PDB file of all heavy atoms in Angstrom:
ATOM      1  N   SER A   1      84.143 110.038  87.271  1.00  0.00           N
ATOM      2  CA  SER A   1      83.047 109.237  87.846  1.00  0.00           C
ATOM      3  C   SER A   1      82.610 108.247  86.824  1.00  0.00           C
ATOM      4  O   SER A   1      82.259 108.542  85.687  1.00  0.00           O
ATOM      5  CB  SER A   1      81.861 110.203  88.235  1.00  0.00           C
ATOM      6  OG  SER A   1      80.723 109.457  88.483  1.00  0.00           O
ATOM      7  N   LEU A   2      82.614 106.954  87.268  1.00  0.00           N
ATOM      8  CA  LEU A   2      82.175 105.871  86.338  1.00  0.00           C
ATOM      9  C   LEU A   2      80.665 105.960  86.141  1.00  0.00           C
ATOM     10  O   LEU A   2      80.173 105.484  85.099  1.00  0.00           O
ATOM     11  CB  LEU A   2      82.544 104.516  86.929  1.00  0.00           C
ATOM     12  CG  LEU A   2      84.055 104.230  87.023  1.00  0.00           C
ATOM     13  CD1 LEU A   2      84.260 102.832  87.512  1.00  0.00           C
ATOM     14  CD2 LEU A   2      84.749 104.431  85.679  1.00  0.00           C
ATOM     15  N   GLU A   3      79.934 106.537  87.092  1.00  0.00           N
ATOM     16  CA  GLU A   3      78.499 106.617  86.922  1.00  0.00           C
ATOM     17  C   GLU A   3      78.052 107.651  85.916  1.00  0.00           C
ATOM     18  O   GLU A   3      77.199 107.399  85.037  1.00  0.00           O
ATOM     19  CB  GLU A   3      77.873 106.964  88.298  1.00  0.00           C
ATOM     20  CG  GLU A   3      76.344 107.024  88.306  1.00  0.00           C
ATOM     21  CD  GLU A   3      75.799 107.272  89.649  1.00  0.00           C
ATOM     22  OE1 GLU A   3      76.527 107.207  90.631  1.00  0.00           O
ATOM     23  OE2 GLU A   3      74.571 107.522  89.767  1.00  0.00           O
ATOM     24  N   SER A   4      78.724 108.872  85.990  1.00  0.00           N
ATOM     25  CA  SER A   4      78.315 109.938  85.031  1.00  0.00           C
ATOM     26  C   SER A   4      79.203 109.956  83.806  1.00  0.00           C
ATOM     27  O   SER A   4      78.833 110.557  82.808  1.00  0.00           O
ATOM     28  CB  SER A   4      78.384 111.295  85.766  1.00  0.00           C
ATOM     29  OG  SER A   4      79.707 111.609  86.118  1.00  0.00           O
ATOM     30  N   GLY A   5      80.397 109.363  83.863  1.00  0.00           N
ATOM     31  CA  GLY A   5      81.295 109.386  82.766  1.00  0.00           C
ATOM     32  C   GLY A   5      81.975 110.736  82.574  1.00  0.00           C
ATOM     33  O   GLY A   5      82.429 111.084  81.502  1.00  0.00           O
ATOM     34  N   ARG A   6      82.035 111.551  83.676  1.00  0.00           N
ATOM     35  CA  ARG A   6      82.606 112.867  83.613  1.00  0.00           C
ATOM     36  C   ARG A   6      83.692 113.095  84.612  1.00  0.00           C
ATOM     37  O   ARG A   6      83.768 112.397  85.593  1.00  0.00           O
ATOM     38  CB  ARG A   6      81.488 113.936  83.821  1.00  0.00           C
ATOM     39  CG  ARG A   6      80.419 113.906  82.726  1.00  0.00           C
ATOM     40  CD  ARG A   6      79.388 114.926  82.995  1.00  0.00           C
ATOM     41  NE  ARG A   6      78.332 114.928  81.987  1.00  0.00           N
ATOM     42  CZ  ARG A   6      77.263 115.779  81.985  1.00  0.00           C
ATOM     43  NH1 ARG A   6      77.110 116.600  83.024  1.00  0.00           N
ATOM     44  NH2 ARG A   6      76.376 115.706  81.048  1.00  0.00           N
ATOM     45  N   ILE A   7      84.478 114.163  84.413  1.00  0.00           N
ATOM     46  CA  ILE A   7      85.515 114.567  85.356  1.00  0.00           C
ATOM     47  C   ILE A   7      84.845 115.305  86.499  1.00  0.00           C
ATOM     48  O   ILE A   7      84.114 116.249  86.273  1.00  0.00           O
ATOM     49  CB  ILE A   7      86.577 115.436  84.691  1.00  0.00           C
ATOM     50  CG1 ILE A   7      87.326 114.709  83.577  1.00  0.00           C
ATOM     51  CG2 ILE A   7      87.594 115.936  85.752  1.00  0.00           C
ATOM     52  CD1 ILE A   7      88.267 115.566  82.785  1.00  0.00           C
ATOM     53  N   ILE A   8      85.098 114.867  87.739  1.00  0.00           N
ATOM     54  CA  ILE A   8      84.504 115.575  88.885  1.00  0.00           C
ATOM     55  C   ILE A   8      85.518 116.455  89.627  1.00  0.00           C
ATOM     56  O   ILE A   8      85.118 117.324  90.407  1.00  0.00           O
ATOM     57  CB  ILE A   8      83.824 114.577  89.853  1.00  0.00           C
ATOM     58  CG1 ILE A   8      84.828 113.586  90.375  1.00  0.00           C
ATOM     59  CG2 ILE A   8      82.656 113.876  89.131  1.00  0.00           C
ATOM     60  CD1 ILE A   8      84.216 112.645  91.436  1.00  0.00           C
ATOM     61  N   SER A   9      86.790 116.181  89.449  1.00  0.00           N
ATOM     62  CA  SER A   9      87.847 117.075  89.991  1.00  0.00           C
ATOM     63  C   SER A   9      89.126 116.816  89.306  1.00  0.00           C
ATOM     64  O   SER A   9      89.393 115.775  88.695  1.00  0.00           O
ATOM     65  CB  SER A   9      88.015 116.723  91.528  1.00  0.00           C
ATOM     66  OG  SER A   9      88.428 115.426  91.726  1.00  0.00           O
ATOM     67  N   GLU A  10      90.010 117.885  89.316  1.00  0.00           N
ATOM     68  CA  GLU A  10      91.346 117.735  88.726  1.00  0.00           C
ATOM     69  C   GLU A  10      92.290 118.608  89.507  1.00  0.00           C
ATOM     70  O   GLU A  10      91.936 119.589  90.181  1.00  0.00           O
ATOM     71  CB  GLU A  10      91.288 118.126  87.229  1.00  0.00           C
ATOM     72  CG  GLU A  10      90.772 119.522  86.974  1.00  0.00           C
ATOM     73  CD  GLU A  10      90.719 119.785  85.502  1.00  0.00           C
ATOM     74  OE1 GLU A  10      90.972 118.877  84.687  1.00  0.00           O
ATOM     75  OE2 GLU A  10      90.370 120.909  85.095  1.00  0.00           O
ATOM     76  N   MET A  11      93.632 118.304  89.348  1.00  0.00           N
ATOM     77  CA  MET A  11      94.611 119.043  90.064  1.00  0.00           C
ATOM     78  C   MET A  11      95.945 118.887  89.396  1.00  0.00           C
ATOM     79  O   MET A  11      96.303 117.811  88.888  1.00  0.00           O
ATOM     80  CB  MET A  11      94.732 118.504  91.503  1.00  0.00           C
ATOM     81  CG  MET A  11      95.826 119.116  92.366  1.00  0.00           C
ATOM     82  SD  MET A  11      95.876 118.362  94.015  1.00  0.00           S
ATOM     83  CE  MET A  11      94.238 118.886  94.603  1.00  0.00           C
ATOM     84  N   ASN A  12      96.739 119.979  89.343  1.00  0.00           N
ATOM     85  CA  ASN A  12      98.108 119.960  88.837  1.00  0.00           C
ATOM     86  C   ASN A  12      99.098 119.899  89.989  1.00  0.00           C
ATOM     87  O   ASN A  12      98.946 120.653  90.940  1.00  0.00           O
ATOM     88  CB  ASN A  12      98.378 121.208  87.989  1.00  0.00           C
ATOM     89  CG  ASN A  12      98.182 120.899  86.510  1.00  0.00           C
ATOM     90  OD1 ASN A  12      98.752 120.020  85.948  1.00  0.00           O
ATOM     91  ND2 ASN A  12      97.325 121.738  85.864  1.00  0.00           N
ATOM     92  N   VAL A  13     100.042 119.027  89.908  1.00  0.00           N
ATOM     93  CA  VAL A  13     101.114 118.897  90.909  1.00  0.00           C
ATOM     94  C   VAL A  13     102.427 119.059  90.228  1.00  0.00           C
ATOM     95  O   VAL A  13     102.701 118.492  89.186  1.00  0.00           O
ATOM     96  CB  VAL A  13     101.032 117.542  91.599  1.00  0.00           C
ATOM     97  CG1 VAL A  13     102.186 117.402  92.576  1.00  0.00           C
ATOM     98  CG2 VAL A  13      99.708 117.382  92.339  1.00  0.00           C
ATOM     99  N   ALA A  14     103.324 119.923  90.791  1.00  0.00           N
ATOM    100  CA  ALA A  14     104.608 120.161  90.186  1.00  0.00           C
ATOM    101  C   ALA A  14     105.467 118.897  90.210  1.00  0.00           C
ATOM    102  O   ALA A  14     105.483 118.134  91.138  1.00  0.00           O
ATOM    103  CB  ALA A  14     105.313 121.307  90.908  1.00  0.00           C
ATOM    104  N   GLY A  15     106.211 118.724  89.073  1.00  0.00           N
ATOM    105  CA  GLY A  15     107.176 117.596  89.015  1.00  0.00           C
ATOM    106  C   GLY A  15     106.500 116.255  88.678  1.00  0.00           C
ATOM    107  O   GLY A  15     105.321 116.227  88.324  1.00  0.00           O
ATOM    108  N   ILE A  16     107.287 115.205  88.763  1.00  0.00           N
ATOM    109  CA  ILE A  16     106.845 113.852  88.521  1.00  0.00           C
ATOM    110  C   ILE A  16     106.894 113.052  89.825  1.00  0.00           C
ATOM    111  O   ILE A  16     107.973 112.764  90.364  1.00  0.00           O
ATOM    112  CB  ILE A  16     107.765 113.177  87.491  1.00  0.00           C
ATOM    113  CG1 ILE A  16     107.801 114.008  86.182  1.00  0.00           C
ATOM    114  CG2 ILE A  16     107.318 111.757  87.188  1.00  0.00           C
ATOM    115  CD1 ILE A  16     108.747 113.466  85.132  1.00  0.00           C
ATOM    116  N   PRO A  17     105.735 112.718  90.334  1.00  0.00           N
ATOM    117  CA  PRO A  17     105.676 112.023  91.662  1.00  0.00           C
ATOM    118  C   PRO A  17     106.305 110.622  91.554  1.00  0.00           C
ATOM    119  O   PRO A  17     106.239 109.955  90.543  1.00  0.00           O
ATOM    120  CB  PRO A  17     104.181 111.903  91.936  1.00  0.00           C
ATOM    121  CG  PRO A  17     103.530 112.960  91.058  1.00  0.00           C
ATOM    122  CD  PRO A  17     104.375 113.037  89.853  1.00  0.00           C
ATOM    123  N   ALA A  18     106.920 110.226  92.696  1.00  0.00           N
ATOM    124  CA  ALA A  18     107.515 108.882  92.745  1.00  0.00           C
ATOM    125  C   ALA A  18     106.430 107.891  93.114  1.00  0.00           C
ATOM    126  O   ALA A  18     106.418 106.748  92.603  1.00  0.00           O
ATOM    127  CB  ALA A  18     108.587 108.863  93.767  1.00  0.00           C
ATOM    128  N   LEU A  19     105.499 108.278  94.015  1.00  0.00           N
ATOM    129  CA  LEU A  19     104.401 107.408  94.485  1.00  0.00           C
ATOM    130  C   LEU A  19     103.159 108.187  94.594  1.00  0.00           C
ATOM    131  O   LEU A  19     103.182 109.411  94.868  1.00  0.00           O
ATOM    132  CB  LEU A  19     104.764 106.803  95.848  1.00  0.00           C
ATOM    133  CG  LEU A  19     106.044 105.939  95.976  1.00  0.00           C
ATOM    134  CD1 LEU A  19     106.357 105.728  97.432  1.00  0.00           C
ATOM    135  CD2 LEU A  19     105.827 104.633  95.213  1.00  0.00           C
ATOM    136  N   VAL A  20     102.019 107.505  94.386  1.00  0.00           N
ATOM    137  CA  VAL A  20     100.710 108.142  94.437  1.00  0.00           C
ATOM    138  C   VAL A  20      99.753 107.233  95.211  1.00  0.00           C
ATOM    139  O   VAL A  20      99.782 105.970  95.056  1.00  0.00           O
ATOM    140  CB  VAL A  20     100.160 108.431  93.020  1.00  0.00           C
ATOM    141  CG1 VAL A  20      98.693 108.966  93.084  1.00  0.00           C
ATOM    142  CG2 VAL A  20     101.023 109.407  92.280  1.00  0.00           C
ATOM    143  N   SER A  21      98.862 107.888  96.001  1.00  0.00           N
ATOM    144  CA  SER A  21      97.871 107.057  96.707  1.00  0.00           C
ATOM    145  C   SER A  21      96.572 107.913  96.795  1.00  0.00           C
ATOM    146  O   SER A  21      96.624 109.106  96.928  1.00  0.00           O
ATOM    147  CB  SER A  21      98.294 106.687  98.100  1.00  0.00           C
ATOM    148  OG  SER A  21      97.252 105.961  98.798  1.00  0.00           O
ATOM    149  N   ILE A  22      95.400 107.271  96.679  1.00  0.00           N
ATOM    150  CA  ILE A  22      94.118 107.907  96.851  1.00  0.00           C
ATOM    151  C   ILE A  22      93.323 107.184  97.900  1.00  0.00           C
ATOM    152  O   ILE A  22      93.560 106.041  98.226  1.00  0.00           O
ATOM    153  CB  ILE A  22      93.281 107.959  95.545  1.00  0.00           C
ATOM    154  CG1 ILE A  22      93.108 106.540  95.005  1.00  0.00           C
ATOM    155  CG2 ILE A  22      93.926 108.852  94.531  1.00  0.00           C
ATOM    156  CD1 ILE A  22      92.200 106.468  93.800  1.00  0.00           C
ATOM    157  N   ASP A  23      92.378 107.898  98.538  1.00  0.00           N
ATOM    158  CA  ASP A  23      91.530 107.245  99.514  1.00  0.00           C
ATOM    159  C   ASP A  23      90.374 106.487  98.818  1.00  0.00           C
ATOM    160  O   ASP A  23      90.358 106.451  97.611  1.00  0.00           O
ATOM    161  CB  ASP A  23      91.022 108.250 100.562  1.00  0.00           C
ATOM    162  CG  ASP A  23      90.152 109.356  99.945  1.00  0.00           C
ATOM    163  OD1 ASP A  23      89.834 109.281  98.705  1.00  0.00           O
ATOM    164  OD2 ASP A  23      89.781 110.266 100.672  1.00  0.00           O
ATOM    165  N   ALA A  24      89.456 105.923  99.573  1.00  0.00           N
ATOM    166  CA  ALA A  24      88.514 105.046  99.042  1.00  0.00           C
ATOM    167  C   ALA A  24      87.589 105.704  98.016  1.00  0.00           C
ATOM    168  O   ALA A  24      87.163 105.033  97.046  1.00  0.00           O
ATOM    169  CB  ALA A  24      87.620 104.443 100.146  1.00  0.00           C
ATOM    170  N   SER A  25      87.258 106.986  98.216  1.00  0.00           N
ATOM    171  CA  SER A  25      86.361 107.696  97.270  1.00  0.00           C
ATOM    172  C   SER A  25      87.085 108.591  96.354  1.00  0.00           C
ATOM    173  O   SER A  25      86.485 109.425  95.646  1.00  0.00           O
ATOM    174  CB  SER A  25      85.337 108.443  98.039  1.00  0.00           C
ATOM    175  OG  SER A  25      85.927 109.455  98.927  1.00  0.00           O
ATOM    176  N   ALA A  26      88.419 108.497  96.294  1.00  0.00           N
ATOM    177  CA  ALA A  26      89.284 109.383  95.398  1.00  0.00           C
ATOM    178  C   ALA A  26      89.021 110.842  95.710  1.00  0.00           C
ATOM    179  O   ALA A  26      89.105 111.695  94.854  1.00  0.00           O
ATOM    180  CB  ALA A  26      89.005 109.081  93.932  1.00  0.00           C
ATOM    181  N   SER A  27      88.780 111.187  97.006  1.00  0.00           N
ATOM    182  CA  SER A  27      88.638 112.567  97.386  1.00  0.00           C
ATOM    183  C   SER A  27      89.903 113.188  97.995  1.00  0.00           C
ATOM    184  O   SER A  27      90.038 114.402  98.094  1.00  0.00           O
ATOM    185  CB  SER A  27      87.495 112.711  98.413  1.00  0.00           C
ATOM    186  OG  SER A  27      87.732 111.948  99.534  1.00  0.00           O
ATOM    187  N   HIS A  28      90.859 112.313  98.338  1.00  0.00           N
ATOM    188  CA  HIS A  28      92.142 112.798  98.879  1.00  0.00           C
ATOM    189  C   HIS A  28      93.272 112.154  98.021  1.00  0.00           C
ATOM    190  O   HIS A  28      93.162 111.010  97.629  1.00  0.00           O
ATOM    191  CB  HIS A  28      92.352 112.436 100.355  1.00  0.00           C
ATOM    192  CG  HIS A  28      91.432 113.160 101.270  1.00  0.00           C
ATOM    193  ND1 HIS A  28      90.156 112.809 101.482  1.00  0.00           N
ATOM    194  CD2 HIS A  28      91.658 114.298 101.999  1.00  0.00           C
ATOM    195  CE1 HIS A  28      89.600 113.630 102.309  1.00  0.00           C
ATOM    196  NE2 HIS A  28      90.467 114.545 102.708  1.00  0.00           N
ATOM    197  N   LEU A  29      94.284 112.896  97.816  1.00  0.00           N
ATOM    198  CA  LEU A  29      95.460 112.486  97.004  1.00  0.00           C
ATOM    199  C   LEU A  29      96.721 112.669  97.803  1.00  0.00           C
ATOM    200  O   LEU A  29      96.962 113.721  98.395  1.00  0.00           O
ATOM    201  CB  LEU A  29      95.503 113.291  95.736  1.00  0.00           C
ATOM    202  CG  LEU A  29      96.789 113.063  94.855  1.00  0.00           C
ATOM    203  CD1 LEU A  29      96.685 111.715  94.129  1.00  0.00           C
ATOM    204  CD2 LEU A  29      96.867 114.211  93.793  1.00  0.00           C
ATOM    205  N   ALA A  30      97.540 111.651  97.904  1.00  0.00           N
ATOM    206  CA  ALA A  30      98.828 111.678  98.550  1.00  0.00           C
ATOM    207  C   ALA A  30      99.894 111.423  97.487  1.00  0.00           C
ATOM    208  O   ALA A  30      99.777 110.480  96.706  1.00  0.00           O
ATOM    209  CB  ALA A  30      98.971 110.641  99.716  1.00  0.00           C
ATOM    210  N   VAL A  31     100.927 112.287  97.459  1.00  0.00           N
ATOM    211  CA  VAL A  31     102.018 112.187  96.464  1.00  0.00           C
ATOM    212  C   VAL A  31     103.303 112.186  97.196  1.00  0.00           C
ATOM    213  O   VAL A  31     103.594 113.035  98.019  1.00  0.00           O
ATOM    214  CB  VAL A  31     101.904 113.359  95.454  1.00  0.00           C
ATOM    215  CG1 VAL A  31     103.153 113.367  94.609  1.00  0.00           C
ATOM    216  CG2 VAL A  31     100.656 113.251  94.620  1.00  0.00           C
ATOM    217  N   ALA A  32     104.201 111.212  96.882  1.00  0.00           N
ATOM    218  CA  ALA A  32     105.555 111.196  97.399  1.00  0.00           C
ATOM    219  C   ALA A  32     106.502 111.654  96.312  1.00  0.00           C
ATOM    220  O   ALA A  32     106.530 111.011  95.237  1.00  0.00           O
ATOM    221  CB  ALA A  32     105.884 109.800  97.905  1.00  0.00           C
ATOM    222  N   ASP A  33     107.250 112.705  96.555  1.00  0.00           N
ATOM    223  CA  ASP A  33     108.241 113.189  95.607  1.00  0.00           C
ATOM    224  C   ASP A  33     109.607 112.506  95.932  1.00  0.00           C
ATOM    225  O   ASP A  33     109.722 111.783  96.894  1.00  0.00           O
ATOM    226  CB  ASP A  33     108.340 114.712  95.669  1.00  0.00           C
ATOM    227  CG  ASP A  33     107.078 115.370  95.134  1.00  0.00           C
ATOM    228  OD1 ASP A  33     106.484 114.853  94.212  1.00  0.00           O
ATOM    229  OD2 ASP A  33     106.728 116.450  95.651  1.00  0.00           O
ATOM    230  N   PHE A  34     110.596 112.883  95.158  1.00  0.00           N
ATOM    231  CA  PHE A  34     111.929 112.346  95.387  1.00  0.00           C
ATOM    232  C   PHE A  34     112.684 113.122  96.376  1.00  0.00           C
ATOM    233  O   PHE A  34     113.953 112.939  96.509  1.00  0.00           O
ATOM    234  CB  PHE A  34     112.693 112.252  94.031  1.00  0.00           C
ATOM    235  CG  PHE A  34     112.056 111.241  93.097  1.00  0.00           C
ATOM    236  CD1 PHE A  34     111.194 111.658  92.138  1.00  0.00           C
ATOM    237  CD2 PHE A  34     112.444 109.934  93.152  1.00  0.00           C
ATOM    238  CE1 PHE A  34     110.648 110.725  91.267  1.00  0.00           C
ATOM    239  CE2 PHE A  34     111.902 108.971  92.286  1.00  0.00           C
ATOM    240  CZ  PHE A  34     110.988 109.383  91.343  1.00  0.00           C
ATOM    241  N   ASP A  35     112.031 113.983  97.166  1.00  0.00           N
ATOM    242  CA  ASP A  35     112.723 114.778  98.177  1.00  0.00           C
ATOM    243  C   ASP A  35     112.417 114.284  99.586  1.00  0.00           C
ATOM    244  O   ASP A  35     112.483 114.995 100.586  1.00  0.00           O
ATOM    245  CB  ASP A  35     112.352 116.269  98.066  1.00  0.00           C
ATOM    246  CG  ASP A  35     110.831 116.487  98.179  1.00  0.00           C
ATOM    247  OD1 ASP A  35     110.124 115.473  98.288  1.00  0.00           O
ATOM    248  OD2 ASP A  35     110.347 117.644  98.151  1.00  0.00           O
ATOM    249  N   ARG A  36     111.945 113.031  99.681  1.00  0.00           N
ATOM    250  CA  ARG A  36     111.643 112.359 100.980  1.00  0.00           C
ATOM    251  C   ARG A  36     110.448 112.987 101.651  1.00  0.00           C
ATOM    252  O   ARG A  36     110.329 112.900 102.884  1.00  0.00           O
ATOM    253  CB  ARG A  36     112.864 112.327 101.888  1.00  0.00           C
ATOM    254  CG  ARG A  36     114.040 111.556 101.351  1.00  0.00           C
ATOM    255  CD  ARG A  36     115.176 111.548 102.311  1.00  0.00           C
ATOM    256  NE  ARG A  36     115.661 112.894 102.580  1.00  0.00           N
ATOM    257  CZ  ARG A  36     116.632 113.202 103.405  1.00  0.00           C
ATOM    258  NH1 ARG A  36     117.173 112.241 104.114  1.00  0.00           N
ATOM    259  NH2 ARG A  36     117.020 114.442 103.572  1.00  0.00           N
ATOM    260  N   ALA A  37     109.587 113.635 100.883  1.00  0.00           N
ATOM    261  CA  ALA A  37     108.380 114.264 101.502  1.00  0.00           C
ATOM    262  C   ALA A  37     107.167 113.667 100.832  1.00  0.00           C
ATOM    263  O   ALA A  37     107.155 113.336  99.692  1.00  0.00           O
ATOM    264  CB  ALA A  37     108.431 115.794 101.306  1.00  0.00           C
ATOM    265  N   VAL A  38     106.061 113.598 101.647  1.00  0.00           N
ATOM    266  CA  VAL A  38     104.752 113.180 101.176  1.00  0.00           C
ATOM    267  C   VAL A  38     103.796 114.345 101.347  1.00  0.00           C
ATOM    268  O   VAL A  38     103.686 114.908 102.439  1.00  0.00           O
ATOM    269  CB  VAL A  38     104.241 111.949 101.936  1.00  0.00           C
ATOM    270  CG1 VAL A  38     102.860 111.573 101.409  1.00  0.00           C
ATOM    271  CG2 VAL A  38     105.195 110.793 101.777  1.00  0.00           C
ATOM    272  N   ARG A  39     103.085 114.723 100.292  1.00  0.00           N
ATOM    273  CA  ARG A  39     102.120 115.818 100.358  1.00  0.00           C
ATOM    274  C   ARG A  39     100.734 115.317 100.113  1.00  0.00           C
ATOM    275  O   ARG A  39     100.544 114.442  99.267  1.00  0.00           O
ATOM    276  CB  ARG A  39     102.512 116.910  99.363  1.00  0.00           C
ATOM    277  CG  ARG A  39     103.851 117.546  99.656  1.00  0.00           C
ATOM    278  CD  ARG A  39     104.349 118.464  98.482  1.00  0.00           C
ATOM    279  NE  ARG A  39     105.639 119.030  98.827  1.00  0.00           N
ATOM    280  CZ  ARG A  39     106.819 118.481  98.550  1.00  0.00           C
ATOM    281  NH1 ARG A  39     106.826 117.320  97.935  1.00  0.00           N
ATOM    282  NH2 ARG A  39     107.922 119.049  98.887  1.00  0.00           N
ATOM    283  N   VAL A  40      99.771 115.835 100.827  1.00  0.00           N
ATOM    284  CA  VAL A  40      98.357 115.411 100.804  1.00  0.00           C
ATOM    285  C   VAL A  40      97.465 116.570 100.398  1.00  0.00           C
ATOM    286  O   VAL A  40      97.594 117.662 100.957  1.00  0.00           O
ATOM    287  CB  VAL A  40      97.938 114.786 102.106  1.00  0.00           C
ATOM    288  CG1 VAL A  40      96.522 114.201 101.988  1.00  0.00           C
ATOM    289  CG2 VAL A  40      98.911 113.638 102.530  1.00  0.00           C
ATOM    290  N   TRP A  41      96.538 116.315  99.480  1.00  0.00           N
ATOM    291  CA  TRP A  41      95.573 117.347  99.040  1.00  0.00           C
ATOM    292  C   TRP A  41      94.166 116.837  99.194  1.00  0.00           C
ATOM    293  O   TRP A  41      93.941 115.563  99.087  1.00  0.00           O
ATOM    294  CB  TRP A  41      95.802 117.731  97.589  1.00  0.00           C
ATOM    295  CG  TRP A  41      96.978 118.583  97.303  1.00  0.00           C
ATOM    296  CD1 TRP A  41      97.080 119.958  97.258  1.00  0.00           C
ATOM    297  CD2 TRP A  41      98.321 118.118  96.944  1.00  0.00           C
ATOM    298  NE1 TRP A  41      98.332 120.367  96.963  1.00  0.00           N
ATOM    299  CE2 TRP A  41      99.091 119.297  96.763  1.00  0.00           C
ATOM    300  CE3 TRP A  41      98.877 116.844  96.823  1.00  0.00           C
ATOM    301  CZ2 TRP A  41     100.464 119.175  96.385  1.00  0.00           C
ATOM    302  CZ3 TRP A  41     100.199 116.773  96.464  1.00  0.00           C
ATOM    303  CH2 TRP A  41     101.005 117.905  96.259  1.00  0.00           C
ATOM    304  N   ASN A  42      93.242 117.776  99.292  1.00  0.00           N
ATOM    305  CA  ASN A  42      91.795 117.407  99.118  1.00  0.00           C
ATOM    306  C   ASN A  42      91.498 117.597  97.662  1.00  0.00           C
ATOM    307  O   ASN A  42      91.485 118.728  97.180  1.00  0.00           O
ATOM    308  CB  ASN A  42      90.911 118.282 100.015  1.00  0.00           C
ATOM    309  CG  ASN A  42      89.488 117.943  99.976  1.00  0.00           C
ATOM    310  OD1 ASN A  42      88.921 117.654  98.907  1.00  0.00           O
ATOM    311  ND2 ASN A  42      88.829 117.989 101.112  1.00  0.00           N
ATOM    312  N   MET A  43      91.197 116.562  96.949  1.00  0.00           N
ATOM    313  CA  MET A  43      90.930 116.619  95.487  1.00  0.00           C
ATOM    314  C   MET A  43      89.654 117.393  95.138  1.00  0.00           C
ATOM    315  O   MET A  43      89.598 117.966  94.053  1.00  0.00           O
ATOM    316  CB  MET A  43      90.870 115.218  94.923  1.00  0.00           C
ATOM    317  CG  MET A  43      92.187 114.507  94.785  1.00  0.00           C
ATOM    318  SD  MET A  43      93.243 115.137  93.470  1.00  0.00           S
ATOM    319  CE  MET A  43      92.320 114.645  92.022  1.00  0.00           C
TER     320      MET A  43
END
């Protein structure tokens, strides 16, 4: 959070993602691996 200067959420994902995307408030995370799959989490 830029306002508080603190970590508000964290997550470990296996492997090295090929692509990453977050929504407008960084509450959802989408990761594309090299297996042609995209996985989505609630951060």
